[in-house]
Amino acid sequence: MRHVFPDVSNNYKDYYWLYERAIVAPKNENVNKINEIIRKKLPGNSITYKSVDAGMDKEQAVYYPTEFLNSLNPPGMPPHMLNLKVGSSIMLLRNLYPPKLCNGTIFCVSKLMVNVIQATILTGNNKGESVFIPQIPLILSDMPVEFKRLQFPVRLVFIIMINKTQDQSLKVTGINLETPCFSHGKLYGACSRVGTPRNLYMCSTRRD
């Protein structure tokens, strides 16, 4: 982290500094943990947004209480408790206003309000533009329990899945190899995101 995001507490206001660097991982196992570590290094107070969750089938509500729905954290959905700070890098999880605000667009948080998040676009043709992201209802139907979550449709993305960087060229890239599941194609794809090997860092706590 120190090589990819050096002195992040002072550099986070530089949107282009954030845009040109990322840590990538092959699986989602360590993404949330590392995102939280980097977020805590940012100055200022955290704001926690709690989702409102409800089952789609009222007859099954007794079997799936709200506390259970709150605990679910499936891919492609924002968490029940979304912890953010000004300067956080976030990714949009749904199409809001294509082509400007599309699934996969990355932003830097500039202001956190009760009902909207103000953020600066870091990727795509509208890079540098300030936008507002509202809370929206998100429905998950590909699980045993179908439920609706009212939340901001974003996740932290200091570290992201390798497949989410396919259209992004990075100046500095870190590759998290704690989970050794890269195919040769994925590893090549991760390495090719950065222009020079001098700015490519790999990290693994494994000895094998």
N, C-alpha and C. Protein backbone atom coordinates (compact mmCIF):
# COMPACT_ATOMS: atom_id res chain seq x y z
N MET A 1 0.82 -1.21 0.00
CA MET A 1 0.00 0.00 0.00
C MET A 1 0.86 1.26 0.00
N ARG A 2 1.99 1.22 0.73
CA ARG A 2 2.80 2.43 0.84
C ARG A 2 3.45 2.81 -0.48
N HIS A 3 3.62 1.84 -1.39
CA HIS A 3 4.21 2.15 -2.70
C HIS A 3 3.16 2.70 -3.67
N VAL A 4 1.97 2.19 -3.59
CA VAL A 4 0.91 2.60 -4.52
C VAL A 4 0.24 3.89 -4.06
N PHE A 5 0.00 4.02 -2.75
CA PHE A 5 -0.65 5.21 -2.19
C PHE A 5 0.25 5.87 -1.15
N PRO A 6 1.44 6.35 -1.54
CA PRO A 6 2.32 6.99 -0.57
C PRO A 6 1.74 8.32 -0.09
N ASP A 7 1.79 8.52 1.23
CA ASP A 7 1.32 9.78 1.82
C ASP A 7 -0.09 10.11 1.35
N VAL A 8 -0.97 9.12 1.38
CA VAL A 8 -2.34 9.32 0.88
C VAL A 8 -3.08 10.39 1.66
N SER A 9 -2.74 10.60 2.93
CA SER A 9 -3.44 11.60 3.74
C SER A 9 -3.22 13.01 3.23
N ASN A 10 -2.15 13.24 2.46
CA ASN A 10 -1.88 14.56 1.89
C ASN A 10 -2.19 14.63 0.40
N ASN A 11 -2.14 13.50 -0.29
CA ASN A 11 -2.32 13.50 -1.74
C ASN A 11 -3.75 13.25 -2.20
N TYR A 12 -4.65 12.92 -1.27
CA TYR A 12 -5.99 12.48 -1.68
C TYR A 12 -6.78 13.57 -2.40
N LYS A 13 -6.43 14.84 -2.23
CA LYS A 13 -7.17 15.91 -2.88
C LYS A 13 -6.79 16.07 -4.35
N ASP A 14 -5.71 15.44 -4.75
CA ASP A 14 -5.27 15.48 -6.15
C ASP A 14 -5.99 14.37 -6.90
N TYR A 15 -7.05 14.72 -7.62
CA TYR A 15 -7.88 13.71 -8.28
C TYR A 15 -7.09 12.90 -9.30
N TYR A 16 -6.17 13.54 -10.01
CA TYR A 16 -5.42 12.82 -11.03
C TYR A 16 -4.39 11.89 -10.40
N TRP A 17 -3.91 12.24 -9.23
CA TRP A 17 -3.02 11.34 -8.49
C TRP A 17 -3.78 10.06 -8.13
N LEU A 18 -5.04 10.20 -7.70
CA LEU A 18 -5.85 9.04 -7.37
C LEU A 18 -6.17 8.21 -8.61
N TYR A 19 -6.49 8.90 -9.70
CA TYR A 19 -6.93 8.21 -10.92
C TYR A 19 -5.85 7.30 -11.48
N GLU A 20 -4.59 7.71 -11.36
CA GLU A 20 -3.52 6.99 -12.05
C GLU A 20 -2.94 5.83 -11.25
N ARG A 21 -3.57 5.46 -10.13
CA ARG A 21 -3.02 4.37 -9.32
C ARG A 21 -4.14 3.51 -8.73
N ALA A 22 -3.85 2.23 -8.54
CA ALA A 22 -4.82 1.31 -7.94
C ALA A 22 -4.11 0.02 -7.54
N ILE A 23 -4.68 -0.65 -6.57
CA ILE A 23 -4.27 -2.01 -6.22
C ILE A 23 -5.32 -2.94 -6.80
N VAL A 24 -4.89 -4.02 -7.45
CA VAL A 24 -5.84 -4.96 -8.04
C VAL A 24 -5.67 -6.32 -7.38
N ALA A 25 -6.74 -7.08 -7.39
CA ALA A 25 -6.74 -8.41 -6.77
C ALA A 25 -7.54 -9.37 -7.64
N PRO A 26 -7.20 -10.66 -7.62
CA PRO A 26 -7.92 -11.63 -8.44
C PRO A 26 -9.27 -12.01 -7.88
N LYS A 27 -9.43 -11.93 -6.57
CA LYS A 27 -10.69 -12.30 -5.93
C LYS A 27 -11.11 -11.23 -4.93
N ASN A 28 -12.35 -11.34 -4.49
CA ASN A 28 -12.95 -10.32 -3.64
C ASN A 28 -12.63 -10.52 -2.16
N GLU A 29 -11.86 -11.57 -1.81
CA GLU A 29 -11.69 -11.95 -0.42
C GLU A 29 -11.02 -10.86 0.42
N ASN A 30 -9.98 -10.22 -0.11
CA ASN A 30 -9.23 -9.24 0.66
C ASN A 30 -9.55 -7.80 0.30
N VAL A 31 -10.45 -7.60 -0.67
CA VAL A 31 -10.73 -6.27 -1.16
C VAL A 31 -11.29 -5.37 -0.07
N ASN A 32 -12.32 -5.83 0.63
CA ASN A 32 -12.97 -4.99 1.64
C ASN A 32 -12.02 -4.61 2.75
N LYS A 33 -11.21 -5.57 3.20
CA LYS A 33 -10.28 -5.31 4.31
C LYS A 33 -9.27 -4.23 3.94
N ILE A 34 -8.66 -4.34 2.77
CA ILE A 34 -7.64 -3.38 2.36
C ILE A 34 -8.25 -2.02 2.05
N ASN A 35 -9.44 -2.00 1.46
CA ASN A 35 -10.12 -0.72 1.22
C ASN A 35 -10.34 0.03 2.52
N GLU A 36 -10.73 -0.68 3.57
CA GLU A 36 -10.98 -0.04 4.86
C GLU A 36 -9.68 0.48 5.47
N ILE A 37 -8.59 -0.25 5.32
CA ILE A 37 -7.30 0.20 5.86
C ILE A 37 -6.89 1.52 5.21
N ILE A 38 -7.02 1.61 3.89
CA ILE A 38 -6.63 2.84 3.19
C ILE A 38 -7.58 3.98 3.54
N ARG A 39 -8.88 3.69 3.61
CA ARG A 39 -9.85 4.74 3.95
C ARG A 39 -9.53 5.37 5.30
N LYS A 40 -9.14 4.56 6.27
CA LYS A 40 -8.84 5.07 7.60
C LYS A 40 -7.61 5.97 7.62
N LYS A 41 -6.76 5.87 6.60
CA LYS A 41 -5.58 6.73 6.53
C LYS A 41 -5.92 8.14 6.06
N LEU A 42 -7.10 8.32 5.48
CA LEU A 42 -7.52 9.65 5.04
C LEU A 42 -7.84 10.51 6.26
N PRO A 43 -7.56 11.81 6.20
CA PRO A 43 -7.91 12.69 7.32
C PRO A 43 -9.41 12.93 7.40
N GLY A 44 -9.85 13.44 8.52
CA GLY A 44 -11.26 13.77 8.67
C GLY A 44 -12.08 12.63 9.24
N ASN A 45 -13.35 12.94 9.47
CA ASN A 45 -14.26 11.98 10.07
C ASN A 45 -14.96 11.13 9.01
N SER A 46 -15.27 9.90 9.39
CA SER A 46 -16.03 9.01 8.52
C SER A 46 -17.53 9.27 8.67
N ILE A 47 -18.23 9.11 7.58
CA ILE A 47 -19.69 9.14 7.60
C ILE A 47 -20.17 7.73 7.26
N THR A 48 -21.08 7.22 8.07
CA THR A 48 -21.63 5.88 7.84
C THR A 48 -23.06 5.99 7.34
N TYR A 49 -23.32 5.44 6.18
CA TYR A 49 -24.67 5.39 5.62
C TYR A 49 -25.20 3.97 5.77
N LYS A 50 -26.32 3.84 6.47
CA LYS A 50 -26.93 2.52 6.68
C LYS A 50 -28.07 2.33 5.69
N SER A 51 -28.07 1.19 5.03
CA SER A 51 -29.12 0.91 4.05
C SER A 51 -30.43 0.54 4.74
N VAL A 52 -31.50 0.63 3.97
CA VAL A 52 -32.81 0.13 4.40
C VAL A 52 -33.09 -1.11 3.56
N ASP A 53 -33.14 -2.27 4.21
CA ASP A 53 -33.31 -3.55 3.52
C ASP A 53 -34.69 -4.15 3.79
N ALA A 54 -35.26 -4.75 2.76
CA ALA A 54 -36.56 -5.39 2.91
C ALA A 54 -36.68 -6.54 1.92
N GLY A 55 -37.28 -7.64 2.37
CA GLY A 55 -37.52 -8.77 1.49
C GLY A 55 -38.60 -8.45 0.48
N MET A 56 -38.49 -9.02 -0.72
CA MET A 56 -39.47 -8.77 -1.76
C MET A 56 -40.73 -9.59 -1.56
N ASP A 57 -40.61 -10.73 -0.88
CA ASP A 57 -41.75 -11.60 -0.61
C ASP A 57 -42.18 -11.41 0.84
N LYS A 58 -43.29 -10.73 1.04
CA LYS A 58 -43.74 -10.42 2.40
C LYS A 58 -44.07 -11.68 3.19
N GLU A 59 -44.47 -12.75 2.51
CA GLU A 59 -44.81 -13.98 3.20
C GLU A 59 -43.58 -14.66 3.81
N GLN A 60 -42.40 -14.37 3.26
CA GLN A 60 -41.17 -14.96 3.77
C GLN A 60 -40.43 -14.05 4.74
N ALA A 61 -41.03 -12.90 5.06
CA ALA A 61 -40.36 -11.93 5.92
C ALA A 61 -40.02 -12.51 7.29
N VAL A 62 -40.85 -13.42 7.79
CA VAL A 62 -40.60 -14.01 9.10
C VAL A 62 -39.36 -14.89 9.09
N TYR A 63 -39.01 -15.45 7.93
CA TYR A 63 -37.83 -16.31 7.82
C TYR A 63 -36.56 -15.51 7.56
N TYR A 64 -36.71 -14.31 7.04
CA TYR A 64 -35.55 -13.48 6.71
C TYR A 64 -35.70 -12.11 7.37
N PRO A 65 -35.42 -12.02 8.65
CA PRO A 65 -35.56 -10.74 9.36
C PRO A 65 -34.60 -9.68 8.82
N THR A 66 -34.89 -8.44 9.16
CA THR A 66 -34.07 -7.33 8.67
C THR A 66 -32.61 -7.49 9.03
N GLU A 67 -32.34 -7.99 10.24
CA GLU A 67 -30.95 -8.16 10.67
C GLU A 67 -30.18 -9.12 9.75
N PHE A 68 -30.87 -10.15 9.28
CA PHE A 68 -30.24 -11.09 8.35
C PHE A 68 -29.95 -10.42 7.01
N LEU A 69 -30.91 -9.66 6.50
CA LEU A 69 -30.72 -8.97 5.23
C LEU A 69 -29.58 -7.96 5.33
N ASN A 70 -29.49 -7.28 6.49
CA ASN A 70 -28.39 -6.33 6.70
C ASN A 70 -27.03 -7.00 6.62
N SER A 71 -26.95 -8.27 7.02
CA SER A 71 -25.67 -8.97 7.07
C SER A 71 -25.19 -9.42 5.70
N LEU A 72 -26.07 -9.42 4.71
CA LEU A 72 -25.70 -9.89 3.36
C LEU A 72 -24.83 -8.85 2.66
N ASN A 73 -23.78 -9.32 2.02
CA ASN A 73 -22.86 -8.42 1.31
C ASN A 73 -22.47 -9.05 -0.04
N PRO A 74 -23.45 -9.26 -0.91
CA PRO A 74 -23.18 -9.94 -2.18
C PRO A 74 -22.43 -9.05 -3.16
N PRO A 75 -21.70 -9.65 -4.11
CA PRO A 75 -21.02 -8.86 -5.15
C PRO A 75 -22.02 -8.04 -5.95
N GLY A 76 -21.60 -6.85 -6.34
CA GLY A 76 -22.47 -6.01 -7.14
C GLY A 76 -23.47 -5.20 -6.36
N MET A 77 -23.43 -5.31 -5.04
CA MET A 77 -24.32 -4.55 -4.17
C MET A 77 -23.50 -3.72 -3.20
N PRO A 78 -23.97 -2.53 -2.83
CA PRO A 78 -23.28 -1.77 -1.79
C PRO A 78 -23.51 -2.43 -0.44
N PRO A 79 -22.62 -2.22 0.51
CA PRO A 79 -22.80 -2.84 1.83
C PRO A 79 -23.91 -2.16 2.61
N HIS A 80 -24.42 -2.87 3.61
CA HIS A 80 -25.43 -2.27 4.49
C HIS A 80 -24.86 -1.04 5.17
N MET A 81 -23.65 -1.14 5.70
CA MET A 81 -22.99 0.00 6.34
C MET A 81 -21.89 0.49 5.41
N LEU A 82 -22.14 1.61 4.77
CA LEU A 82 -21.20 2.20 3.81
C LEU A 82 -20.42 3.30 4.52
N ASN A 83 -19.14 3.03 4.80
CA ASN A 83 -18.29 3.98 5.51
C ASN A 83 -17.45 4.76 4.50
N LEU A 84 -17.61 6.09 4.50
CA LEU A 84 -16.90 6.93 3.54
C LEU A 84 -16.27 8.14 4.21
N LYS A 85 -15.22 8.65 3.59
CA LYS A 85 -14.62 9.92 3.95
C LYS A 85 -14.45 10.76 2.69
N VAL A 86 -14.37 12.07 2.86
CA VAL A 86 -14.00 12.92 1.74
C VAL A 86 -12.62 12.47 1.25
N GLY A 87 -12.47 12.28 -0.05
CA GLY A 87 -11.23 11.78 -0.61
C GLY A 87 -11.27 10.30 -0.95
N SER A 88 -12.32 9.60 -0.53
CA SER A 88 -12.44 8.17 -0.83
C SER A 88 -12.64 7.95 -2.32
N SER A 89 -11.99 6.92 -2.85
CA SER A 89 -12.25 6.49 -4.23
C SER A 89 -13.41 5.51 -4.20
N ILE A 90 -14.43 5.75 -5.02
CA ILE A 90 -15.61 4.90 -5.05
C ILE A 90 -15.94 4.52 -6.48
N MET A 91 -16.61 3.38 -6.63
CA MET A 91 -17.04 2.92 -7.96
C MET A 91 -18.56 2.80 -7.99
N LEU A 92 -19.14 3.25 -9.08
CA LEU A 92 -20.58 3.14 -9.27
C LEU A 92 -20.96 1.71 -9.63
N LEU A 93 -22.02 1.20 -9.01
CA LEU A 93 -22.43 -0.20 -9.19
C LEU A 93 -23.64 -0.36 -10.10
N ARG A 94 -24.22 0.74 -10.55
CA ARG A 94 -25.38 0.69 -11.43
C ARG A 94 -25.29 1.80 -12.46
N ASN A 95 -26.00 1.63 -13.57
CA ASN A 95 -26.13 2.71 -14.54
C ASN A 95 -27.14 3.72 -14.01
N LEU A 96 -26.71 4.98 -13.85
CA LEU A 96 -27.62 6.02 -13.40
C LEU A 96 -28.03 6.93 -14.56
N TYR A 97 -27.03 7.55 -15.20
CA TYR A 97 -27.29 8.44 -16.33
C TYR A 97 -26.26 8.16 -17.42
N PRO A 98 -26.40 7.04 -18.15
CA PRO A 98 -25.44 6.73 -19.21
C PRO A 98 -25.45 7.83 -20.28
N PRO A 99 -24.30 8.08 -20.94
CA PRO A 99 -23.02 7.40 -20.72
C PRO A 99 -22.15 8.03 -19.65
N LYS A 100 -22.63 9.09 -19.00
CA LYS A 100 -21.79 9.77 -18.02
C LYS A 100 -21.63 8.97 -16.74
N LEU A 101 -22.74 8.53 -16.17
CA LEU A 101 -22.71 7.79 -14.91
C LEU A 101 -23.11 6.35 -15.18
N CYS A 102 -22.11 5.52 -15.45
CA CYS A 102 -22.34 4.12 -15.80
C CYS A 102 -21.74 3.19 -14.75
N ASN A 103 -22.24 1.98 -14.73
CA ASN A 103 -21.68 0.94 -13.88
C ASN A 103 -20.17 0.82 -14.16
N GLY A 104 -19.36 0.96 -13.11
CA GLY A 104 -17.91 0.87 -13.26
C GLY A 104 -17.20 2.21 -13.26
N THR A 105 -17.94 3.32 -13.35
CA THR A 105 -17.33 4.65 -13.29
C THR A 105 -16.71 4.86 -11.91
N ILE A 106 -15.51 5.43 -11.87
CA ILE A 106 -14.81 5.67 -10.61
C ILE A 106 -14.83 7.16 -10.29
N PHE A 107 -15.02 7.48 -9.01
CA PHE A 107 -15.11 8.85 -8.53
C PHE A 107 -14.22 9.06 -7.32
N CYS A 108 -14.00 10.34 -7.01
CA CYS A 108 -13.41 10.73 -5.73
C CYS A 108 -14.45 11.53 -4.97
N VAL A 109 -14.74 11.14 -3.75
CA VAL A 109 -15.75 11.82 -2.94
C VAL A 109 -15.27 13.22 -2.58
N SER A 110 -16.10 14.24 -2.86
CA SER A 110 -15.75 15.61 -2.50
C SER A 110 -16.63 16.18 -1.40
N LYS A 111 -17.84 15.65 -1.23
CA LYS A 111 -18.71 16.11 -0.15
C LYS A 111 -19.72 15.02 0.18
N LEU A 112 -19.94 14.81 1.47
CA LEU A 112 -20.90 13.79 1.93
C LEU A 112 -22.08 14.48 2.59
N MET A 113 -23.26 14.29 2.02
CA MET A 113 -24.48 14.89 2.55
C MET A 113 -25.46 13.79 2.93
N VAL A 114 -26.58 14.18 3.50
CA VAL A 114 -27.54 13.20 4.02
C VAL A 114 -28.12 12.35 2.90
N ASN A 115 -28.55 12.98 1.82
CA ASN A 115 -29.27 12.25 0.77
C ASN A 115 -28.52 12.10 -0.54
N VAL A 116 -27.40 12.79 -0.68
CA VAL A 116 -26.60 12.68 -1.91
C VAL A 116 -25.12 12.73 -1.57
N ILE A 117 -24.32 12.17 -2.47
CA ILE A 117 -22.86 12.26 -2.40
C ILE A 117 -22.39 13.09 -3.58
N GLN A 118 -21.62 14.13 -3.30
CA GLN A 118 -21.00 14.90 -4.38
C GLN A 118 -19.62 14.30 -4.65
N ALA A 119 -19.33 14.03 -5.91
CA ALA A 119 -18.08 13.36 -6.25
C ALA A 119 -17.56 13.86 -7.59
N THR A 120 -16.26 13.70 -7.80
CA THR A 120 -15.61 14.08 -9.05
C THR A 120 -15.30 12.83 -9.86
N ILE A 121 -15.69 12.83 -11.13
CA ILE A 121 -15.45 11.68 -12.00
C ILE A 121 -13.96 11.54 -12.28
N LEU A 122 -13.43 10.33 -12.12
CA LEU A 122 -12.01 10.06 -12.35
C LEU A 122 -11.74 9.29 -13.64
N THR A 123 -12.77 8.70 -14.24
CA THR A 123 -12.57 7.87 -15.42
C THR A 123 -13.53 8.29 -16.54
N GLY A 124 -13.17 7.93 -17.76
CA GLY A 124 -14.05 8.18 -18.89
C GLY A 124 -13.91 9.57 -19.49
N ASN A 125 -14.78 9.88 -20.44
CA ASN A 125 -14.72 11.15 -21.17
C ASN A 125 -15.10 12.35 -20.32
N ASN A 126 -15.78 12.12 -19.21
CA ASN A 126 -16.23 13.22 -18.35
C ASN A 126 -15.34 13.39 -17.12
N LYS A 127 -14.11 12.92 -17.21
CA LYS A 127 -13.16 13.00 -16.11
C LYS A 127 -13.00 14.44 -15.65
N GLY A 128 -13.06 14.65 -14.33
CA GLY A 128 -12.91 15.97 -13.75
C GLY A 128 -14.23 16.67 -13.47
N GLU A 129 -15.34 16.13 -13.97
CA GLU A 129 -16.65 16.76 -13.76
C GLU A 129 -17.22 16.38 -12.41
N SER A 130 -17.85 17.35 -11.75
CA SER A 130 -18.48 17.11 -10.45
C SER A 130 -19.93 16.68 -10.65
N VAL A 131 -20.35 15.64 -9.95
CA VAL A 131 -21.70 15.10 -10.08
C VAL A 131 -22.27 14.77 -8.71
N PHE A 132 -23.57 14.50 -8.68
CA PHE A 132 -24.25 14.11 -7.45
C PHE A 132 -24.79 12.69 -7.61
N ILE A 133 -24.55 11.86 -6.62
CA ILE A 133 -25.00 10.47 -6.64
C ILE A 133 -26.08 10.30 -5.58
N PRO A 134 -27.29 9.88 -5.97
CA PRO A 134 -28.37 9.71 -5.00
C PRO A 134 -28.45 8.29 -4.46
N GLN A 135 -29.20 8.12 -3.41
CA GLN A 135 -29.57 6.78 -2.96
C GLN A 135 -30.63 6.22 -3.91
N ILE A 136 -30.54 4.94 -4.21
CA ILE A 136 -31.52 4.31 -5.08
C ILE A 136 -31.86 2.92 -4.53
N PRO A 137 -33.03 2.38 -4.88
CA PRO A 137 -33.34 1.00 -4.49
C PRO A 137 -32.64 0.02 -5.42
N LEU A 138 -31.95 -0.95 -4.85
CA LEU A 138 -31.26 -1.98 -5.63
C LEU A 138 -31.87 -3.32 -5.27
N ILE A 139 -32.27 -4.08 -6.28
CA ILE A 139 -32.92 -5.37 -6.06
C ILE A 139 -31.99 -6.50 -6.46
N LEU A 140 -31.82 -7.44 -5.56
CA LEU A 140 -31.00 -8.62 -5.83
C LEU A 140 -31.92 -9.82 -5.95
N SER A 141 -31.92 -10.46 -7.11
CA SER A 141 -32.85 -11.57 -7.35
C SER A 141 -32.16 -12.89 -7.64
N ASP A 142 -30.82 -12.92 -7.67
CA ASP A 142 -30.12 -14.17 -8.00
C ASP A 142 -29.60 -14.87 -6.76
N MET A 143 -30.30 -14.72 -5.64
CA MET A 143 -29.97 -15.41 -4.39
C MET A 143 -31.22 -16.13 -3.89
N PRO A 144 -31.06 -17.06 -2.96
CA PRO A 144 -32.24 -17.77 -2.42
C PRO A 144 -33.30 -16.82 -1.87
N VAL A 145 -32.85 -15.68 -1.33
CA VAL A 145 -33.80 -14.69 -0.83
C VAL A 145 -33.69 -13.43 -1.70
N GLU A 146 -34.80 -13.01 -2.26
CA GLU A 146 -34.83 -11.80 -3.07
C GLU A 146 -35.13 -10.61 -2.16
N PHE A 147 -34.25 -9.61 -2.19
CA PHE A 147 -34.49 -8.47 -1.31
C PHE A 147 -34.10 -7.16 -2.00
N LYS A 148 -34.58 -6.07 -1.41
CA LYS A 148 -34.33 -4.73 -1.94
C LYS A 148 -33.52 -3.94 -0.92
N ARG A 149 -32.51 -3.24 -1.40
CA ARG A 149 -31.64 -2.43 -0.53
C ARG A 149 -31.64 -0.99 -1.02
N LEU A 150 -32.06 -0.08 -0.15
CA LEU A 150 -32.01 1.35 -0.45
C LEU A 150 -30.69 1.89 0.07
N GLN A 151 -29.79 2.26 -0.84
CA GLN A 151 -28.45 2.67 -0.45
C GLN A 151 -27.81 3.43 -1.61
N PHE A 152 -26.73 4.14 -1.33
CA PHE A 152 -25.94 4.73 -2.42
C PHE A 152 -25.30 3.59 -3.21
N PRO A 153 -25.43 3.58 -4.53
CA PRO A 153 -24.95 2.45 -5.34
C PRO A 153 -23.45 2.51 -5.61
N VAL A 154 -22.65 2.52 -4.54
CA VAL A 154 -21.20 2.65 -4.69
C VAL A 154 -20.48 1.74 -3.70
N ARG A 155 -19.21 1.47 -4.01
CA ARG A 155 -18.29 0.76 -3.11
C ARG A 155 -16.93 1.45 -3.15
N LEU A 156 -16.17 1.29 -2.07
CA LEU A 156 -14.79 1.77 -2.06
C LEU A 156 -13.97 1.01 -3.11
N VAL A 157 -13.03 1.71 -3.78
CA VAL A 157 -12.23 1.04 -4.82
C VAL A 157 -10.76 1.45 -4.79
N PHE A 158 -10.18 1.62 -3.62
CA PHE A 158 -8.72 1.77 -3.59
C PHE A 158 -8.08 0.48 -4.10
N ILE A 159 -8.69 -0.64 -3.76
CA ILE A 159 -8.30 -1.93 -4.32
C ILE A 159 -9.52 -2.51 -5.02
N ILE A 160 -9.34 -3.00 -6.25
CA ILE A 160 -10.47 -3.46 -7.04
C ILE A 160 -10.13 -4.78 -7.73
N MET A 161 -11.18 -5.41 -8.24
CA MET A 161 -11.00 -6.65 -8.98
C MET A 161 -10.32 -6.35 -10.32
N ILE A 162 -9.46 -7.26 -10.76
CA ILE A 162 -8.68 -7.04 -11.97
C ILE A 162 -9.57 -6.80 -13.18
N ASN A 163 -10.72 -7.47 -13.27
CA ASN A 163 -11.58 -7.32 -14.44
C ASN A 163 -12.22 -5.94 -14.52
N LYS A 164 -12.19 -5.17 -13.41
CA LYS A 164 -12.77 -3.83 -13.41
C LYS A 164 -11.80 -2.78 -13.97
N THR A 165 -10.57 -3.16 -14.30
CA THR A 165 -9.58 -2.20 -14.79
C THR A 165 -9.29 -2.39 -16.27
N GLN A 166 -10.13 -3.11 -16.97
CA GLN A 166 -9.85 -3.48 -18.36
C GLN A 166 -9.65 -2.28 -19.28
N ASP A 167 -10.36 -1.18 -19.03
CA ASP A 167 -10.27 -0.01 -19.90
C ASP A 167 -9.47 1.12 -19.26
N GLN A 168 -8.71 0.82 -18.23
CA GLN A 168 -8.01 1.86 -17.49
C GLN A 168 -6.50 1.65 -17.56
N SER A 169 -5.77 2.70 -17.94
CA SER A 169 -4.31 2.67 -17.90
C SER A 169 -3.86 3.35 -16.62
N LEU A 170 -2.96 2.71 -15.89
CA LEU A 170 -2.53 3.20 -14.59
C LEU A 170 -1.05 3.55 -14.61
N LYS A 171 -0.69 4.56 -13.82
CA LYS A 171 0.71 4.92 -13.69
C LYS A 171 1.41 4.05 -12.66
N VAL A 172 0.68 3.71 -11.58
CA VAL A 172 1.22 2.88 -10.51
C VAL A 172 0.20 1.79 -10.19
N THR A 173 0.66 0.54 -10.17
CA THR A 173 -0.24 -0.58 -9.91
C THR A 173 0.37 -1.51 -8.86
N GLY A 174 -0.45 -1.91 -7.91
CA GLY A 174 -0.07 -2.95 -6.97
C GLY A 174 -0.93 -4.17 -7.22
N ILE A 175 -0.35 -5.35 -7.16
CA ILE A 175 -1.09 -6.59 -7.38
C ILE A 175 -1.07 -7.39 -6.09
N ASN A 176 -2.24 -7.63 -5.53
CA ASN A 176 -2.36 -8.40 -4.30
C ASN A 176 -2.46 -9.88 -4.64
N LEU A 177 -1.46 -10.64 -4.23
CA LEU A 177 -1.40 -12.07 -4.56
C LEU A 177 -1.59 -12.95 -3.34
N GLU A 178 -2.27 -12.43 -2.31
CA GLU A 178 -2.51 -13.25 -1.13
C GLU A 178 -3.36 -14.48 -1.47
N THR A 179 -4.22 -14.33 -2.47
CA THR A 179 -5.00 -15.46 -2.97
C THR A 179 -4.42 -15.86 -4.32
N PRO A 180 -3.68 -16.97 -4.42
CA PRO A 180 -2.97 -17.33 -5.65
C PRO A 180 -3.87 -17.99 -6.67
N CYS A 181 -4.74 -17.18 -7.29
CA CYS A 181 -5.70 -17.78 -8.22
C CYS A 181 -5.65 -17.11 -9.59
N PHE A 182 -4.59 -16.40 -9.88
CA PHE A 182 -4.47 -15.78 -11.19
C PHE A 182 -4.26 -16.84 -12.26
N SER A 183 -5.00 -16.76 -13.34
CA SER A 183 -4.63 -17.48 -14.55
C SER A 183 -3.54 -16.65 -15.23
N HIS A 184 -2.85 -17.24 -16.21
CA HIS A 184 -1.80 -16.49 -16.90
C HIS A 184 -2.39 -15.25 -17.57
N GLY A 185 -3.60 -15.39 -18.10
CA GLY A 185 -4.23 -14.26 -18.76
C GLY A 185 -4.54 -13.13 -17.80
N LYS A 186 -5.03 -13.47 -16.61
CA LYS A 186 -5.34 -12.44 -15.62
C LYS A 186 -4.08 -11.75 -15.13
N LEU A 187 -3.03 -12.52 -14.88
CA LEU A 187 -1.79 -11.93 -14.41
C LEU A 187 -1.21 -10.99 -15.46
N TYR A 188 -1.24 -11.41 -16.71
CA TYR A 188 -0.77 -10.54 -17.79
C TYR A 188 -1.61 -9.28 -17.86
N GLY A 189 -2.93 -9.44 -17.73
CA GLY A 189 -3.81 -8.28 -17.78
C GLY A 189 -3.52 -7.30 -16.67
N ALA A 190 -3.26 -7.81 -15.46
CA ALA A 190 -2.95 -6.94 -14.33
C ALA A 190 -1.64 -6.19 -14.56
N CYS A 191 -0.63 -6.89 -15.05
CA CYS A 191 0.68 -6.27 -15.28
C CYS A 191 0.63 -5.25 -16.41
N SER A 192 -0.21 -5.49 -17.39
CA SER A 192 -0.26 -4.61 -18.56
C SER A 192 -1.00 -3.31 -18.30
N ARG A 193 -1.61 -3.16 -17.14
CA ARG A 193 -2.31 -1.92 -16.82
C ARG A 193 -1.35 -0.76 -16.60
N VAL A 194 -0.09 -1.06 -16.24
CA VAL A 194 0.89 -0.03 -15.91
C VAL A 194 1.91 0.09 -17.04
N GLY A 195 2.39 1.33 -17.29
CA GLY A 195 3.26 1.56 -18.43
C GLY A 195 4.68 1.08 -18.27
N THR A 196 5.20 1.05 -17.05
CA THR A 196 6.58 0.65 -16.83
C THR A 196 6.69 -0.31 -15.65
N PRO A 197 7.54 -1.33 -15.74
CA PRO A 197 7.69 -2.29 -14.63
C PRO A 197 8.17 -1.64 -13.34
N ARG A 198 8.80 -0.48 -13.43
CA ARG A 198 9.29 0.20 -12.23
C ARG A 198 8.15 0.65 -11.32
N ASN A 199 6.96 0.80 -11.89
CA ASN A 199 5.80 1.23 -11.10
C ASN A 199 4.83 0.08 -10.84
N LEU A 200 5.31 -1.14 -10.96
CA LEU A 200 4.49 -2.32 -10.72
C LEU A 200 4.97 -3.02 -9.45
N TYR A 201 4.06 -3.21 -8.49
CA TYR A 201 4.41 -3.82 -7.21
C TYR A 201 3.52 -5.03 -6.97
N MET A 202 4.11 -6.10 -6.47
CA MET A 202 3.36 -7.30 -6.14
C MET A 202 3.52 -7.60 -4.66
N CYS A 203 2.43 -8.04 -4.04
CA CYS A 203 2.44 -8.31 -2.61
C CYS A 203 1.82 -9.66 -2.33
N SER A 204 2.49 -10.45 -1.48
CA SER A 204 1.95 -11.73 -1.06
C SER A 204 2.54 -12.09 0.30
N THR A 205 1.69 -12.59 1.19
CA THR A 205 2.16 -13.05 2.49
C THR A 205 2.42 -14.55 2.48
N ARG A 206 2.19 -15.18 1.34
CA ARG A 206 2.36 -16.62 1.21
C ARG A 206 3.83 -16.96 0.95
N ARG A 207 4.25 -18.14 1.40
CA ARG A 207 5.62 -18.60 1.18
C ARG A 207 5.72 -19.61 0.04
N ASP A 208 4.57 -20.06 -0.47
CA ASP A 208 4.61 -21.04 -1.55
C ASP A 208 4.35 -20.36 -2.89
